[in-house]
C-alpha atoms as a PDB file:
ATOM      1  CA  UNK A   1     139.723 162.204 -23.876  1.00  0.00           C
ATOM      2  CA  UNK A   2     139.875 159.545 -21.200  1.00  0.00           C
ATOM      3  CA  UNK A   3     139.137 156.652 -23.522  1.00  0.00           C
ATOM      4  CA  UNK A   4     141.981 154.310 -22.787  1.00  0.00           C
ATOM      5  CA  UNK A   5     141.330 151.291 -20.646  1.00  0.00           C
ATOM      6  CA  UNK A   6     143.958 150.522 -18.062  1.00  0.00           C
ATOM      7  CA  UNK A   7     146.531 148.286 -19.742  1.00  0.00           C
ATOM      8  CA  UNK A   8     147.269 146.236 -16.631  1.00  0.00           C
ATOM      9  CA  UNK A   9     144.860 143.307 -16.178  1.00  0.00           C
ATOM     10  CA  UNK A  10     142.329 143.562 -13.348  1.00  0.00           C
ATOM     11  CA  UNK A  11     141.331 140.702 -11.074  1.00  0.00           C
ATOM     12  CA  UNK A  12     137.964 139.239 -12.253  1.00  0.00           C
ATOM     13  CA  UNK A  13     134.943 140.313 -10.172  1.00  0.00           C
ATOM     14  CA  UNK A  14     133.429 136.809 -10.254  1.00  0.00           C
ATOM     15  CA  UNK A  15     136.646 135.277  -8.860  1.00  0.00           C
ATOM     16  CA  UNK A  16     136.440 137.285  -5.630  1.00  0.00           C
ATOM     17  CA  UNK A  17     135.655 135.122  -2.597  1.00  0.00           C
ATOM     18  CA  UNK A  18     133.333 136.447   0.120  1.00  0.00           C
ATOM     19  CA  UNK A  19     132.591 140.161   0.735  1.00  0.00           C
ATOM     20  CA  UNK A  20     129.036 139.635  -0.558  1.00  0.00           C
ATOM     21  CA  UNK A  21     127.751 142.805   1.117  1.00  0.00           C
ATOM     22  CA  UNK A  22     130.196 144.982  -0.787  1.00  0.00           C
ATOM     23  CA  UNK A  23     129.718 143.179  -4.107  1.00  0.00           C
ATOM     24  CA  UNK A  24     125.931 143.517  -3.872  1.00  0.00           C
ATOM     25  CA  UNK A  25     126.044 147.252  -3.082  1.00  0.00           C
ATOM     26  CA  UNK A  26     128.381 147.888  -6.052  1.00  0.00           C
ATOM     27  CA  UNK A  27     126.197 145.899  -8.464  1.00  0.00           C
ATOM     28  CA  UNK A  28     123.005 147.681  -7.314  1.00  0.00           C
ATOM     29  CA  UNK A  29     124.650 151.093  -7.820  1.00  0.00           C
ATOM     30  CA  UNK A  30     125.680 150.108 -11.332  1.00  0.00           C
ATOM     31  CA  UNK A  31     122.087 149.057 -12.082  1.00  0.00           C
ATOM     32  CA  UNK A  32     120.666 152.304 -10.639  1.00  0.00           C
ATOM     33  CA  UNK A  33     123.247 155.101 -10.169  1.00  0.00           C
ATOM     34  CA  UNK A  34     120.504 157.208  -8.505  1.00  0.00           C
ATOM     35  CA  UNK A  35     121.047 155.116  -5.361  1.00  0.00           C
ATOM     36  CA  UNK A  36     123.879 157.545  -4.680  1.00  0.00           C
ATOM     37  CA  UNK A  37     127.154 155.659  -4.453  1.00  0.00           C
ATOM     38  CA  UNK A  38     128.779 153.407  -1.867  1.00  0.00           C
ATOM     39  CA  UNK A  39     130.964 154.028   1.149  1.00  0.00           C
ATOM     40  CA  UNK A  40     133.083 150.950   1.933  1.00  0.00           C
ATOM     41  CA  UNK A  41     134.715 150.691   5.331  1.00  0.00           C
ATOM     42  CA  UNK A  42     136.924 147.791   6.327  1.00  0.00           C
ATOM     43  CA  UNK A  43     140.237 146.501   7.620  1.00  0.00           C
ATOM     44  CA  UNK A  44     143.486 146.914   5.734  1.00  0.00           C
ATOM     45  CA  UNK A  45     144.225 144.291   3.068  1.00  0.00           C
ATOM     46  CA  UNK A  46     140.651 143.043   2.661  1.00  0.00           C
ATOM     47  CA  UNK A  47     140.551 143.712  -1.088  1.00  0.00           C
ATOM     48  CA  UNK A  48     138.470 146.920  -1.133  1.00  0.00           C
ATOM     49  CA  UNK A  49     140.395 148.475  -4.040  1.00  0.00           C
ATOM     50  CA  UNK A  50     140.645 145.141  -5.887  1.00  0.00           C
ATOM     51  CA  UNK A  51     136.859 144.661  -5.862  1.00  0.00           C
ATOM     52  CA  UNK A  52     136.132 148.244  -6.977  1.00  0.00           C
ATOM     53  CA  UNK A  53     138.627 148.044  -9.854  1.00  0.00           C
ATOM     54  CA  UNK A  54     137.236 144.647 -10.865  1.00  0.00           C
ATOM     55  CA  UNK A  55     133.786 146.215 -11.236  1.00  0.00           C
ATOM     56  CA  UNK A  56     134.765 148.180 -14.343  1.00  0.00           C
ATOM     57  CA  UNK A  57     135.185 144.990 -16.428  1.00  0.00           C
ATOM     58  CA  UNK A  58     131.506 144.165 -15.869  1.00  0.00           C
ATOM     59  CA  UNK A  59     130.261 147.410 -17.377  1.00  0.00           C
ATOM     60  CA  UNK A  60     129.367 147.562 -21.073  1.00  0.00           C
ATOM     61  CA  UNK A  61     131.243 150.014 -23.331  1.00  0.00           C
ATOM     62  CA  UNK A  62     129.622 153.421 -23.836  1.00  0.00           C
ATOM     63  CA  UNK A  63     129.180 155.561 -26.956  1.00  0.00           C
ATOM     64  CA  UNK A  64     130.925 158.938 -26.745  1.00  0.00           C
ATOM     65  CA  UNK A  65     131.615 161.877 -29.027  1.00  0.00           C
ATOM     66  CA  UNK A  66     135.186 161.559 -30.263  1.00  0.00           C
ATOM     67  CA  UNK A  67     137.796 163.968 -28.799  1.00  0.00           C
ATOM     68  CA  UNK A  68     135.330 165.315 -26.243  1.00  0.00           C
ATOM     69  CA  UNK A  69     136.923 165.559 -22.772  1.00  0.00           C
ATOM     70  CA  UNK A  70     133.552 165.058 -21.011  1.00  0.00           C
ATOM     71  CA  UNK A  71     132.638 161.643 -22.508  1.00  0.00           C
ATOM     72  CA  UNK A  72     129.503 163.303 -23.961  1.00  0.00           C
ATOM     73  CA  UNK A  73     126.594 161.009 -24.806  1.00  0.00           C
ATOM     74  CA  UNK A  74     125.706 161.506 -28.503  1.00  0.00           C
ATOM     75  CA  UNK A  75     122.021 160.705 -27.773  1.00  0.00           C
ATOM     76  CA  UNK A  76     121.283 162.463 -24.456  1.00  0.00           C
ATOM     77  CA  UNK A  77     121.491 166.291 -24.292  1.00  0.00           C
ATOM     78  CA  UNK A  78     121.632 166.102 -20.465  1.00  0.00           C
ATOM     79  CA  UNK A  79     124.991 164.331 -20.756  1.00  0.00           C
ATOM     80  CA  UNK A  80     126.498 166.573 -23.446  1.00  0.00           C
ATOM     81  CA  UNK A  81     129.055 169.316 -23.037  1.00  0.00           C
ATOM     82  CA  UNK A  82     128.209 172.820 -24.317  1.00  0.00           C
ATOM     83  CA  UNK A  83     130.677 172.330 -27.216  1.00  0.00           C
ATOM     84  CA  UNK A  84     128.825 169.225 -28.439  1.00  0.00           C
ATOM     85  CA  UNK A  85     125.435 170.952 -28.053  1.00  0.00           C
ATOM     86  CA  UNK A  86     126.816 173.852 -30.121  1.00  0.00           C
ATOM     87  CA  UNK A  87     127.863 171.434 -32.882  1.00  0.00           C
ATOM     88  CA  UNK A  88     124.380 169.895 -32.920  1.00  0.00           C
ATOM     89  CA  UNK A  89     122.781 173.353 -33.224  1.00  0.00           C
ATOM     90  CA  UNK A  90     124.997 174.023 -36.241  1.00  0.00           C
ATOM     91  CA  UNK A  91     124.005 170.624 -37.704  1.00  0.00           C
ATOM     92  CA  UNK A  92     127.613 169.475 -37.694  1.00  0.00           C
ATOM     93  CA  UNK A  93     128.331 165.753 -38.056  1.00  0.00           C
ATOM     94  CA  UNK A  94     129.416 164.118 -34.772  1.00  0.00           C
ATOM     95  CA  UNK A  95     132.081 161.440 -34.825  1.00  0.00           C
ATOM     96  CA  UNK A  96     130.952 158.691 -32.430  1.00  0.00           C
ATOM     97  CA  UNK A  97     133.182 156.001 -30.925  1.00  0.00           C
ATOM     98  CA  UNK A  98     132.703 153.254 -28.324  1.00  0.00           C
ATOM     99  CA  UNK A  99     134.964 153.263 -25.272  1.00  0.00           C
ATOM    100  CA  UNK A 100     135.261 151.372 -22.014  1.00  0.00           C
ATOM    101  CA  UNK A 101     133.219 152.879 -19.155  1.00  0.00           C
ATOM    102  CA  UNK A 102     135.628 155.362 -17.535  1.00  0.00           C
ATOM    103  CA  UNK A 103     136.965 154.766 -14.054  1.00  0.00           C
ATOM    104  CA  UNK A 104     138.869 157.601 -12.401  1.00  0.00           C
ATOM    105  CA  UNK A 105     140.984 157.223  -9.265  1.00  0.00           C
ATOM    106  CA  UNK A 106     141.092 160.350  -7.140  1.00  0.00           C
ATOM    107  CA  UNK A 107     144.556 160.759  -5.606  1.00  0.00           C
ATOM    108  CA  UNK A 108     144.602 161.646  -1.911  1.00  0.00           C
ATOM    109  CA  UNK A 109     146.555 164.864  -2.386  1.00  0.00           C
ATOM    110  CA  UNK A 110     144.374 166.191  -5.247  1.00  0.00           C
ATOM    111  CA  UNK A 111     143.560 169.913  -5.162  1.00  0.00           C
ATOM    112  CA  UNK A 112     140.143 171.406  -5.903  1.00  0.00           C
ATOM    113  CA  UNK A 113     141.460 172.697  -9.272  1.00  0.00           C
ATOM    114  CA  UNK A 114     142.640 169.198 -10.228  1.00  0.00           C
ATOM    115  CA  UNK A 115     139.247 167.744  -9.310  1.00  0.00           C
ATOM    116  CA  UNK A 116     136.908 170.422 -10.706  1.00  0.00           C
ATOM    117  CA  UNK A 117     139.028 171.908 -13.494  1.00  0.00           C
ATOM    118  CA  UNK A 118     140.458 175.396 -13.914  1.00  0.00           C
ATOM    119  CA  UNK A 119     139.592 178.506 -15.882  1.00  0.00           C
ATOM    120  CA  UNK A 120     142.522 180.216 -17.546  1.00  0.00           C
ATOM    121  CA  UNK A 121     141.731 183.822 -16.562  1.00  0.00           C
ATOM    122  CA  UNK A 122     144.547 185.375 -18.652  1.00  0.00           C
ATOM    123  CA  UNK A 123     143.334 183.680 -21.825  1.00  0.00           C
ATOM    124  CA  UNK A 124     139.730 184.573 -21.029  1.00  0.00           C
ATOM    125  CA  UNK A 125     140.612 188.261 -20.650  1.00  0.00           C
ATOM    126  CA  UNK A 126     143.113 188.551 -23.539  1.00  0.00           C
ATOM    127  CA  UNK A 127     141.251 186.408 -26.110  1.00  0.00           C
ATOM    128  CA  UNK A 128     137.681 186.678 -24.812  1.00  0.00           C
ATOM    129  CA  UNK A 129     137.370 182.882 -24.732  1.00  0.00           C
ATOM    130  CA  UNK A 130     136.194 180.696 -21.905  1.00  0.00           C
ATOM    131  CA  UNK A 131     139.475 178.789 -21.586  1.00  0.00           C
ATOM    132  CA  UNK A 132     138.593 175.832 -19.369  1.00  0.00           C
ATOM    133  CA  UNK A 133     140.889 172.939 -18.518  1.00  0.00           C
ATOM    134  CA  UNK A 134     138.686 170.029 -17.432  1.00  0.00           C
ATOM    135  CA  UNK A 135     139.497 168.145 -14.218  1.00  0.00           C
ATOM    136  CA  UNK A 136     138.859 164.648 -12.898  1.00  0.00           C
ATOM    137  CA  UNK A 137     135.090 165.208 -12.633  1.00  0.00           C
ATOM    138  CA  UNK A 138     134.941 165.719 -16.411  1.00  0.00           C
ATOM    139  CA  UNK A 139     136.883 162.488 -16.991  1.00  0.00           C
ATOM    140  CA  UNK A 140     134.544 160.595 -14.644  1.00  0.00           C
ATOM    141  CA  UNK A 141     131.335 161.684 -16.432  1.00  0.00           C
ATOM    142  CA  UNK A 142     129.217 158.583 -17.227  1.00  0.00           C
ATOM    143  CA  UNK A 143     131.616 156.365 -15.294  1.00  0.00           C
ATOM    144  CA  UNK A 144     132.908 155.664 -11.811  1.00  0.00           C
ATOM    145  CA  UNK A 145     134.889 157.955  -9.518  1.00  0.00           C
ATOM    146  CA  UNK A 146     136.799 156.007  -6.886  1.00  0.00           C
ATOM    147  CA  UNK A 147     138.241 157.677  -3.787  1.00  0.00           C
ATOM    148  CA  UNK A 148     140.433 155.432  -1.660  1.00  0.00           C
ATOM    149  CA  UNK A 149     140.927 156.641   1.937  1.00  0.00           C
ATOM    150  CA  UNK A 150     137.988 159.040   1.507  1.00  0.00           C
ATOM    151  CA  UNK A 151     137.943 159.557   5.286  1.00  0.00           C
ATOM    152  CA  UNK A 152     141.378 161.242   5.000  1.00  0.00           C
ATOM    153  CA  UNK A 153     140.243 163.592   2.214  1.00  0.00           C
ATOM    154  CA  UNK A 154     139.570 167.247   2.993  1.00  0.00           C
ATOM    155  CA  UNK A 155     135.890 167.670   4.025  1.00  0.00           C
ATOM    156  CA  UNK A 156     135.390 170.494   1.516  1.00  0.00           C
ATOM    157  CA  UNK A 157     136.585 168.274  -1.344  1.00  0.00           C
ATOM    158  CA  UNK A 158     134.286 165.436  -0.232  1.00  0.00           C
ATOM    159  CA  UNK A 159     131.428 167.971  -0.273  1.00  0.00           C
ATOM    160  CA  UNK A 160     132.295 169.004  -3.855  1.00  0.00           C
ATOM    161  CA  UNK A 161     132.327 165.341  -4.979  1.00  0.00           C
ATOM    162  CA  UNK A 162     129.020 164.551  -3.305  1.00  0.00           C
ATOM    163  CA  UNK A 163     127.360 167.672  -4.754  1.00  0.00           C
ATOM    164  CA  UNK A 164     128.446 166.761  -8.277  1.00  0.00           C
ATOM    165  CA  UNK A 165     127.450 163.121  -7.841  1.00  0.00           C
ATOM    166  CA  UNK A 166     123.974 164.157  -6.635  1.00  0.00           C
ATOM    167  CA  UNK A 167     123.291 166.873  -9.228  1.00  0.00           C
ATOM    168  CA  UNK A 168     125.142 165.350 -12.208  1.00  0.00           C
ATOM    169  CA  UNK A 169     126.775 168.735 -12.929  1.00  0.00           C
ATOM    170  CA  UNK A 170     130.010 170.467 -12.026  1.00  0.00           C
ATOM    171  CA  UNK A 171     130.143 174.264 -11.878  1.00  0.00           C
ATOM    172  CA  UNK A 172     133.427 176.170 -11.739  1.00  0.00           C
ATOM    173  CA  UNK A 173     133.398 179.898 -11.024  1.00  0.00           C
ATOM    174  CA  UNK A 174     136.423 182.183 -11.093  1.00  0.00           C
ATOM    175  CA  UNK A 175     136.546 185.992 -11.281  1.00  0.00           C
ATOM    176  CA  UNK A 176     132.973 186.307 -12.557  1.00  0.00           C
ATOM    177  CA  UNK A 177     133.423 183.582 -15.203  1.00  0.00           C
ATOM    178  CA  UNK A 178     131.238 180.532 -14.747  1.00  0.00           C
ATOM    179  CA  UNK A 179     131.491 177.179 -16.532  1.00  0.00           C
ATOM    180  CA  UNK A 180     129.133 174.219 -16.193  1.00  0.00           C
ATOM    181  CA  UNK A 181     129.603 170.702 -17.529  1.00  0.00           C
ATOM    182  CA  UNK A 182     127.936 167.285 -16.981  1.00  0.00           C
ATOM    183  CA  UNK A 183     129.530 165.175 -14.246  1.00  0.00           C
ATOM    184  CA  UNK A 184     127.261 162.183 -13.776  1.00  0.00           C
ATOM    185  CA  UNK A 185     129.177 159.386 -12.093  1.00  0.00           C
ATOM    186  CA  UNK A 186     128.896 156.685  -9.439  1.00  0.00           C
ATOM    187  CA  UNK A 187     130.895 157.763  -6.400  1.00  0.00           C
ATOM    188  CA  UNK A 188     132.650 154.981  -4.520  1.00  0.00           C
ATOM    189  CA  UNK A 189     134.619 155.783  -1.399  1.00  0.00           C
ATOM    190  CA  UNK A 190     136.623 153.396   0.744  1.00  0.00           C
ATOM    191  CA  UNK A 191     138.507 153.719   3.993  1.00  0.00           C
ATOM    192  CA  UNK A 192     139.809 152.085   7.141  1.00  0.00           C
ATOM    193  CA  UNK A 193     137.740 152.965  10.253  1.00  0.00           C
ATOM    194  CA  UNK A 194     140.961 152.959  12.356  1.00  0.00           C
ATOM    195  CA  UNK A 195     141.977 156.136  10.520  1.00  0.00           C
ATOM    196  CA  UNK A 196     138.767 157.934  11.472  1.00  0.00           C
ATOM    197  CA  UNK A 197     135.210 158.124  10.159  1.00  0.00           C
ATOM    198  CA  UNK A 198     133.623 160.665   7.852  1.00  0.00           C
ATOM    199  CA  UNK A 199     131.453 163.324   9.481  1.00  0.00           C
ATOM    200  CA  UNK A 200     127.826 162.099   9.870  1.00  0.00           C
ATOM    201  CA  UNK A 201     126.583 164.862   7.493  1.00  0.00           C
ATOM    202  CA  UNK A 202     128.879 163.576   4.732  1.00  0.00           C
ATOM    203  CA  UNK A 203     128.236 159.898   5.480  1.00  0.00           C
ATOM    204  CA  UNK A 204     124.501 160.494   5.050  1.00  0.00           C
ATOM    205  CA  UNK A 205     125.094 161.666   1.465  1.00  0.00           C
ATOM    206  CA  UNK A 206     126.391 158.224   0.410  1.00  0.00           C
ATOM    207  CA  UNK A 207     123.531 155.989  -0.712  1.00  0.00           C
ATOM    208  CA  UNK A 208     124.896 152.778   0.794  1.00  0.00           C
ATOM    209  CA  UNK A 209     127.456 151.821   3.420  1.00  0.00           C
ATOM    210  CA  UNK A 210     129.142 148.425   3.159  1.00  0.00           C
ATOM    211  CA  UNK A 211     131.333 146.981   5.887  1.00  0.00           C
ATOM    212  CA  UNK A 212     134.132 144.580   5.107  1.00  0.00           C
ATOM    213  CA  UNK A 213     135.553 142.172   7.621  1.00  0.00           C
ATOM    214  CA  UNK A 214     138.682 140.017   7.392  1.00  0.00           C
ATOM    215  CA  UNK A 215     137.659 136.424   6.661  1.00  0.00           C
ATOM    216  CA  UNK A 216     138.331 134.126   9.632  1.00  0.00           C
ATOM    217  CA  UNK A 217     137.978 130.668   8.007  1.00  0.00           C
ATOM    218  CA  UNK A 218     141.495 129.286   7.265  1.00  0.00           C
ATOM    219  CA  UNK A 219     140.338 127.304   4.179  1.00  0.00           C
ATOM    220  CA  UNK A 220     138.882 130.457   2.556  1.00  0.00           C
ATOM    221  CA  UNK A 221     141.996 132.485   3.396  1.00  0.00           C
ATOM    222  CA  UNK A 222     144.195 129.818   1.765  1.00  0.00           C
ATOM    223  CA  UNK A 223     141.931 129.795  -1.311  1.00  0.00           C
ATOM    224  CA  UNK A 224     142.224 133.599  -1.650  1.00  0.00           C
ATOM    225  CA  UNK A 225     146.025 133.446  -1.372  1.00  0.00           C
ATOM    226  CA  UNK A 226     146.189 130.671  -4.001  1.00  0.00           C
ATOM    227  CA  UNK A 227     143.932 132.615  -6.370  1.00  0.00           C
ATOM    228  CA  UNK A 228     146.019 135.757  -6.004  1.00  0.00           C
ATOM    229  CA  UNK A 229     149.208 133.799  -6.712  1.00  0.00           C
ATOM    230  CA  UNK A 230     147.646 132.192  -9.832  1.00  0.00           C
ATOM    231  CA  UNK A 231     146.523 135.606 -11.057  1.00  0.00           C
ATOM    232  CA  UNK A 232     149.965 137.188 -10.485  1.00  0.00           C
ATOM    233  CA  UNK A 233     151.705 134.316 -12.330  1.00  0.00           C
ATOM    234  CA  UNK A 234     149.485 134.386 -15.420  1.00  0.00           C
ATOM    235  CA  UNK A 235     146.779 137.095 -15.365  1.00  0.00           C
ATOM    236  CA  UNK A 236     145.543 136.452 -18.930  1.00  0.00           C
ATOM    237  CA  UNK A 237     144.998 132.731 -18.405  1.00  0.00           C
ATOM    238  CA  UNK A 238     143.403 133.326 -14.995  1.00  0.00           C
ATOM    239  CA  UNK A 239     140.960 135.858 -16.474  1.00  0.00           C
ATOM    240  CA  UNK A 240     140.048 133.467 -19.293  1.00  0.00           C
ATOM    241  CA  UNK A 241     138.903 130.873 -16.724  1.00  0.00           C
ATOM    242  CA  UNK A 242     136.291 133.339 -15.474  1.00  0.00           C
ATOM    243  CA  UNK A 243     135.372 134.798 -18.863  1.00  0.00           C
ATOM    244  CA  UNK A 244     132.035 132.970 -19.123  1.00  0.00           C
ATOM    245  CA  UNK A 245     130.958 133.907 -15.567  1.00  0.00           C
ATOM    246  CA  UNK A 246     131.965 137.536 -16.178  1.00  0.00           C
ATOM    247  CA  UNK A 247     129.912 137.682 -19.401  1.00  0.00           C
ATOM    248  CA  UNK A 248     126.880 136.156 -17.641  1.00  0.00           C
ATOM    249  CA  UNK A 249     127.049 138.756 -14.878  1.00  0.00           C
ATOM    250  CA  UNK A 250     127.520 141.610 -17.397  1.00  0.00           C
ATOM    251  CA  UNK A 251     124.421 140.472 -19.314  1.00  0.00           C
ATOM    252  CA  UNK A 252     122.463 140.170 -16.076  1.00  0.00           C
ATOM    253  CA  UNK A 253     123.387 143.754 -15.130  1.00  0.00           C
ATOM    254  CA  UNK A 254     122.437 145.059 -18.600  1.00  0.00           C
ATOM    255  CA  UNK A 255     119.051 143.277 -18.441  1.00  0.00           C
ATOM    256  CA  UNK A 256     118.410 144.657 -14.945  1.00  0.00           C
ATOM    257  CA  UNK A 257     119.184 148.219 -16.124  1.00  0.00           C
ATOM    258  CA  UNK A 258     116.583 147.901 -18.883  1.00  0.00           C
ATOM    259  CA  UNK A 259     114.023 146.256 -16.600  1.00  0.00           C
ATOM    260  CA  UNK A 260     114.412 148.763 -13.734  1.00  0.00           C
ATOM    261  CA  UNK A 261     111.655 151.155 -14.907  1.00  0.00           C
ATOM    262  CA  UNK A 262     109.087 148.346 -14.894  1.00  0.00           C
ATOM    263  CA  UNK A 263     109.710 147.228 -11.287  1.00  0.00           C
ATOM    264  CA  UNK A 264     106.827 147.923  -8.899  1.00  0.00           C
ATOM    265  CA  UNK A 265     106.806 148.397  -5.132  1.00  0.00           C
ATOM    266  CA  UNK A 266     103.519 148.332  -3.217  1.00  0.00           C
ATOM    267  CA  UNK A 267     102.309 151.275  -1.128  1.00  0.00           C
ATOM    268  CA  UNK A 268     102.207 149.016   1.940  1.00  0.00           C
ATOM    269  CA  UNK A 269     105.929 148.163   1.628  1.00  0.00           C
ATOM    270  CA  UNK A 270     106.856 151.824   1.077  1.00  0.00           C
ATOM    271  CA  UNK A 271     104.896 152.807   4.180  1.00  0.00           C
ATOM    272  CA  UNK A 272     106.689 150.159   6.234  1.00  0.00           C
ATOM    273  CA  UNK A 273     110.111 151.348   4.950  1.00  0.00           C
ATOM    274  CA  UNK A 274     109.194 154.856   6.136  1.00  0.00           C
ATOM    275  CA  UNK A 275     108.046 153.456   9.478  1.00  0.00           C
ATOM    276  CA  UNK A 276     111.434 151.738   9.968  1.00  0.00           C
ATOM    277  CA  UNK A 277     113.228 155.009   9.139  1.00  0.00           C
ATOM    278  CA  UNK A 278     110.968 156.905  11.527  1.00  0.00           C
ATOM    279  CA  UNK A 279     111.490 154.468  14.408  1.00  0.00           C
ATOM    280  CA  UNK A 280     115.257 154.597  13.878  1.00  0.00           C
ATOM    281  CA  UNK A 281     115.128 158.439  13.972  1.00  0.00           C
ATOM    282  CA  UNK A 282     116.731 158.747  10.542  1.00  0.00           C
ATOM    283  CA  UNK A 283     116.972 162.440   9.601  1.00  0.00           C
ATOM    284  CA  UNK A 284     115.492 163.542   6.276  1.00  0.00           C
ATOM    285  CA  UNK A 285     114.052 161.315   3.558  1.00  0.00           C
ATOM    286  CA  UNK A 286     117.225 160.017   1.934  1.00  0.00           C
ATOM    287  CA  UNK A 287     116.951 156.744   3.821  1.00  0.00           C
ATOM    288  CA  UNK A 288     113.400 156.095   2.544  1.00  0.00           C
ATOM    289  CA  UNK A 289     114.340 156.957  -1.049  1.00  0.00           C
ATOM    290  CA  UNK A 290     117.560 154.949  -1.202  1.00  0.00           C
ATOM    291  CA  UNK A 291     115.965 151.872   0.400  1.00  0.00           C
ATOM    292  CA  UNK A 292     113.115 151.734  -2.155  1.00  0.00           C
ATOM    293  CA  UNK A 293     115.538 152.361  -5.072  1.00  0.00           C
ATOM    294  CA  UNK A 294     117.948 149.652  -3.913  1.00  0.00           C
ATOM    295  CA  UNK A 295     115.089 147.171  -3.378  1.00  0.00           C
ATOM    296  CA  UNK A 296     113.849 147.832  -6.938  1.00  0.00           C
ATOM    297  CA  UNK A 297     117.372 147.387  -8.322  1.00  0.00           C
ATOM    298  CA  UNK A 298     117.671 144.047  -6.497  1.00  0.00           C
ATOM    299  CA  UNK A 299     114.299 142.859  -7.849  1.00  0.00           C
ATOM    300  CA  UNK A 300     115.432 143.832 -11.385  1.00  0.00           C
ATOM    301  CA  UNK A 301     118.767 142.027 -10.873  1.00  0.00           C
ATOM    302  CA  UNK A 302     116.933 138.872  -9.813  1.00  0.00           C
ATOM    303  CA  UNK A 303     114.621 139.196 -12.844  1.00  0.00           C
ATOM    304  CA  UNK A 304     111.396 139.747 -10.903  1.00  0.00           C
ATOM    305  CA  UNK A 305     108.558 142.195 -11.533  1.00  0.00           C
ATOM    306  CA  UNK A 306     107.843 143.355  -7.996  1.00  0.00           C
ATOM    307  CA  UNK A 307     109.731 144.143  -4.781  1.00  0.00           C
ATOM    308  CA  UNK A 308     109.293 141.628  -1.946  1.00  0.00           C
ATOM    309  CA  UNK A 309     109.829 141.933   1.823  1.00  0.00           C
ATOM    310  CA  UNK A 310     112.909 139.710   1.384  1.00  0.00           C
ATOM    311  CA  UNK A 311     114.442 142.253  -1.058  1.00  0.00           C
ATOM    312  CA  UNK A 312     114.013 145.029   1.499  1.00  0.00           C
ATOM    313  CA  UNK A 313     115.491 142.878   4.278  1.00  0.00           C
ATOM    314  CA  UNK A 314     118.548 142.152   2.096  1.00  0.00           C
ATOM    315  CA  UNK A 315     119.398 145.812   1.446  1.00  0.00           C
ATOM    316  CA  UNK A 316     117.928 147.897   4.274  1.00  0.00           C
ATOM    317  CA  UNK A 317     120.979 147.571   6.549  1.00  0.00           C
ATOM    318  CA  UNK A 318     123.274 148.782   3.740  1.00  0.00           C
ATOM    319  CA  UNK A 319     120.990 151.787   3.172  1.00  0.00           C
ATOM    320  CA  UNK A 320     120.380 152.870   6.767  1.00  0.00           C
ATOM    321  CA  UNK A 321     123.186 151.821   9.109  1.00  0.00           C
ATOM    322  CA  UNK A 322     125.279 154.951   8.465  1.00  0.00           C
ATOM    323  CA  UNK A 323     122.312 157.289   8.990  1.00  0.00           C
ATOM    324  CA  UNK A 324     121.781 156.398  12.657  1.00  0.00           C
ATOM    325  CA  UNK A 325     124.709 158.294  14.158  1.00  0.00           C
ATOM    326  CA  UNK A 326     123.660 161.306  16.180  1.00  0.00           C
ATOM    327  CA  UNK A 327     126.939 161.587  18.067  1.00  0.00           C
ATOM    328  CA  UNK A 328     130.123 161.945  15.950  1.00  0.00           C
ATOM    329  CA  UNK A 329     131.955 159.789  18.538  1.00  0.00           C
ATOM    330  CA  UNK A 330     129.632 156.821  17.959  1.00  0.00           C
ATOM    331  CA  UNK A 331     130.695 154.155  15.502  1.00  0.00           C
ATOM    332  CA  UNK A 332     128.530 153.103  12.539  1.00  0.00           C
ATOM    333  CA  UNK A 333     125.970 150.456  13.534  1.00  0.00           C
ATOM    334  CA  UNK A 334     126.899 146.927  12.465  1.00  0.00           C
ATOM    335  CA  UNK A 335     123.303 146.442  11.322  1.00  0.00           C
ATOM    336  CA  UNK A 336     121.800 144.818  14.414  1.00  0.00           C
ATOM    337  CA  UNK A 337     119.644 147.827  15.291  1.00  0.00           C
ATOM    338  CA  UNK A 338     118.318 148.189  11.716  1.00  0.00           C
ATOM    339  CA  UNK A 339     117.491 144.483  11.431  1.00  0.00           C
ATOM    340  CA  UNK A 340     115.715 144.372  14.806  1.00  0.00           C
ATOM    341  CA  UNK A 341     113.510 147.355  13.861  1.00  0.00           C
ATOM    342  CA  UNK A 342     112.844 145.883  10.406  1.00  0.00           C
ATOM    343  CA  UNK A 343     111.736 142.527  11.849  1.00  0.00           C
ATOM    344  CA  UNK A 344     109.407 144.271  14.290  1.00  0.00           C
ATOM    345  CA  UNK A 345     107.771 146.583  11.686  1.00  0.00           C
ATOM    346  CA  UNK A 346     107.521 143.979   8.916  1.00  0.00           C
ATOM    347  CA  UNK A 347     106.723 141.131  11.317  1.00  0.00           C
ATOM    348  CA  UNK A 348     109.509 139.234   9.569  1.00  0.00           C
ATOM    349  CA  UNK A 349     111.293 136.157  10.873  1.00  0.00           C
END
């Protein structure tokens, strides 16, 4: 089972300077995974991978069934593998352990079998058993699946990942044998726009789209370089300096997760969100859904009971900018168009 935390120390999330747009979209997805993941596009060397890997230290440990390759939740049948459900039916005692929230890196050259898992047909025929070897989607269940350079990944594989992330299940079918297992994870993709964009149909499936720019201010650049050097010299000591801030943020995220169900959004605000989507010619209803979910997650994070216009203004660009492309040759909107339409519909200054 994928229970081991990475042994190398990760850079603390709270020590990262700038890139607020990306940090906010990651935190909101952790609070409400139904937002649908994040696509992060930005220049080389802007710390995309560093920030994503730092996120895992903020997440609380999870309870899993010991020696289960799917990180099955001992309390929730929806997140249990068929083997664990079988044990429960037989009233067998489950051994439960706590592990770090899993984070799986998807290598660029991964095959569909490596990602989805494989069925051993010979064993199935000779022994009459469903011999399944779980893939990366099984390891990522109840955690985070990170795909660096997602824009260079085969379109079919991106489709498979997005389908699993949306449905929470992975189905593998070979030679008339079908196997299903839970695969509920937060999908995070990153890439460099110079190497090409994702197709608009695939981009639309990501809940949020964050853009990262290289910082221009010399004083901030120097500060980042100094921090990185301090971390490389003595990672343990550097992490200890940020321990209190990290714990505060972890607690804030946990509180927001619990509070999320209580957050209210008025009908008037929902109607205006839909009006913005309509005026921007956003296809389908994903834009409306993701915007209201992200606004609720932000209200929960800021410990409020109800969504405000300000919450929607903060997140609407992240939720809609990648849904405006009608022509594959167009680039993703920087956010100007979304903000202009928002200000007009909401009468917001």
